[in-house]
Amino acid sequence: MVTLDGRMYGKPQTREEAIETITKLTSAGIPNVVYTGVVIKYRENIEKFTAVTTVYMGKLTKEEIIAYVDTGEPMGKAGGYGIQGIASTFVERIEGDFNNVIGLPLYQLTQKLKEIVNR
């Protein structure tokens, strides 16, 4: 889930929604935050954790936003952007796990799995 200033942004359903979301994310001047909840069931145990990554985006012009949305990349992605694709060109920096923004915090997951198996 992508959040900006307390509001949640899921996957845009329309081109217009994608344009609106990317406009907000790139013009707010504040970072967006990506949350991923993970639940692992191993035997009779259940482990849970939440990964948090902060994403700082540069400002885009309306024309750049429309051109990006017209690639189709934003559709089907929380927050309307794919950090591993074209959107990487307008991400200034991140704090946290890059893979969390893609969809699964692999490092944290691997560490938790090792911890569970070694008990």
Protein backbone atom coordinates (compact mmCIF):
# COMPACT_ATOMS: atom_id res chain seq x y z
CA MET A 1 0.00 0.00 0.00
CA VAL A 2 1.32 3.45 -0.91
CA THR A 3 0.47 6.38 1.36
CA LEU A 4 0.96 10.11 1.05
CA ASP A 5 0.18 12.50 3.86
CA GLY A 6 -2.06 9.93 5.55
CA ARG A 7 -4.04 8.96 2.44
CA MET A 8 -3.81 5.46 0.94
CA TYR A 9 -3.32 4.92 -2.78
CA GLY A 10 -4.05 1.53 -4.28
CA LYS A 11 -3.90 0.45 -7.89
CA PRO A 12 -5.41 3.05 -10.22
CA GLN A 13 -8.47 1.78 -12.05
CA THR A 14 -8.51 4.36 -14.85
CA ARG A 15 -6.06 6.50 -16.82
CA GLU A 16 -7.48 9.60 -15.12
CA GLU A 17 -6.97 8.10 -11.66
CA ALA A 18 -3.37 7.21 -12.55
CA ILE A 19 -2.70 10.79 -13.72
CA GLU A 20 -4.25 12.19 -10.53
CA THR A 21 -2.24 9.86 -8.28
CA ILE A 22 1.12 10.45 -10.00
CA THR A 23 0.45 14.20 -9.97
CA LYS A 24 -0.09 14.11 -6.20
CA LEU A 25 2.93 11.90 -5.54
CA THR A 26 5.29 14.05 -7.61
CA SER A 27 4.06 17.50 -6.63
CA ALA A 28 3.50 17.21 -2.89
CA GLY A 29 7.12 17.89 -1.97
CA ILE A 30 6.88 15.17 0.68
CA PRO A 31 7.78 11.49 0.40
CA ASN A 32 5.30 8.69 -0.04
CA VAL A 33 5.52 5.66 2.20
CA VAL A 34 5.07 2.06 1.07
CA TYR A 35 3.79 -0.53 3.55
CA THR A 36 3.78 -4.28 2.99
CA GLY A 37 2.28 -6.67 5.51
CA VAL A 38 3.69 -10.20 5.60
CA VAL A 39 2.23 -13.20 7.43
CA ILE A 40 4.08 -16.52 7.63
CA LYS A 41 2.46 -19.71 8.89
CA TYR A 42 4.95 -22.44 9.72
CA ARG A 43 3.60 -25.52 11.43
CA GLU A 44 1.47 -24.18 14.26
CA ASN A 45 3.19 -20.80 14.47
CA ILE A 46 2.17 -17.56 12.83
CA GLU A 47 4.68 -14.74 12.38
CA LYS A 48 3.79 -11.24 11.16
CA PHE A 49 5.72 -8.14 10.23
CA THR A 50 5.27 -4.93 8.30
CA ALA A 51 7.96 -3.50 6.05
CA VAL A 52 8.08 0.26 5.56
CA THR A 53 9.95 2.09 2.79
CA THR A 54 9.99 5.85 2.20
CA VAL A 55 10.13 7.03 -1.42
CA TYR A 56 11.18 10.55 -2.43
CA MET A 57 10.03 11.55 -5.91
CA GLY A 58 11.11 14.44 -8.06
CA LYS A 59 8.67 16.87 -9.60
CA LEU A 60 7.21 16.05 -13.01
CA THR A 61 5.47 18.27 -15.52
CA LYS A 62 1.90 17.47 -16.56
CA GLU A 63 3.25 16.37 -19.95
CA GLU A 64 5.73 13.98 -18.32
CA ILE A 65 3.00 12.51 -16.12
CA ILE A 66 0.69 11.95 -19.09
CA ALA A 67 3.51 10.39 -21.13
CA TYR A 68 4.33 8.06 -18.23
CA VAL A 69 0.71 7.03 -17.69
CA ASP A 70 0.32 6.43 -21.44
CA THR A 71 3.05 3.76 -21.25
CA GLY A 72 0.58 1.66 -19.27
CA GLU A 73 3.12 1.01 -16.52
CA PRO A 74 1.10 2.61 -13.69
CA MET A 75 -1.89 0.33 -14.14
CA GLY A 76 -1.96 -2.57 -11.71
CA LYS A 77 0.58 -1.03 -9.34
CA ALA A 78 -0.11 0.45 -5.93
CA GLY A 79 0.41 4.19 -6.07
CA GLY A 80 0.39 4.03 -9.85
CA TYR A 81 4.12 3.56 -10.27
CA GLY A 82 6.58 0.76 -10.89
CA ILE A 83 9.86 1.67 -9.21
CA GLN A 84 11.65 -1.09 -11.11
CA GLY A 85 10.57 0.35 -14.46
CA ILE A 86 10.27 3.76 -16.06
CA ALA A 87 9.26 5.32 -12.74
CA SER A 88 12.80 4.74 -11.47
CA THR A 89 13.77 7.81 -13.50
CA PHE A 90 11.75 10.12 -11.26
CA VAL A 91 12.57 8.58 -7.89
CA GLU A 92 15.18 10.75 -6.18
CA ARG A 93 15.94 8.28 -3.39
CA ILE A 94 14.45 5.72 -1.05
CA GLU A 95 14.90 4.86 2.60
CA GLY A 96 14.33 1.19 3.23
CA ASP A 97 14.02 -1.95 1.15
CA PHE A 98 13.77 -1.43 -2.62
CA ASN A 99 12.12 -4.84 -2.97
CA ASN A 100 9.39 -3.76 -0.57
CA VAL A 101 8.34 -1.09 -3.07
CA ILE A 102 8.24 -3.72 -5.82
CA GLY A 103 5.96 -5.85 -3.67
CA LEU A 104 7.81 -8.14 -1.26
CA PRO A 105 10.51 -7.23 1.28
CA LEU A 106 12.83 -10.10 0.37
CA TYR A 107 15.61 -9.42 2.87
CA GLN A 108 13.26 -9.17 5.85
CA LEU A 109 11.34 -12.21 4.65
CA THR A 110 14.51 -14.28 4.27
CA GLN A 111 15.75 -13.27 7.72
CA LYS A 112 12.40 -14.13 9.30
CA LEU A 113 12.29 -17.51 7.54
CA LYS A 114 15.80 -18.36 8.77
CA GLU A 115 14.78 -17.38 12.29
CA ILE A 116 11.65 -19.55 12.16
CA VAL A 117 13.39 -22.62 10.71
CA ASN A 118 16.29 -22.41 13.19
CA ARG A 119 14.08 -22.40 16.31
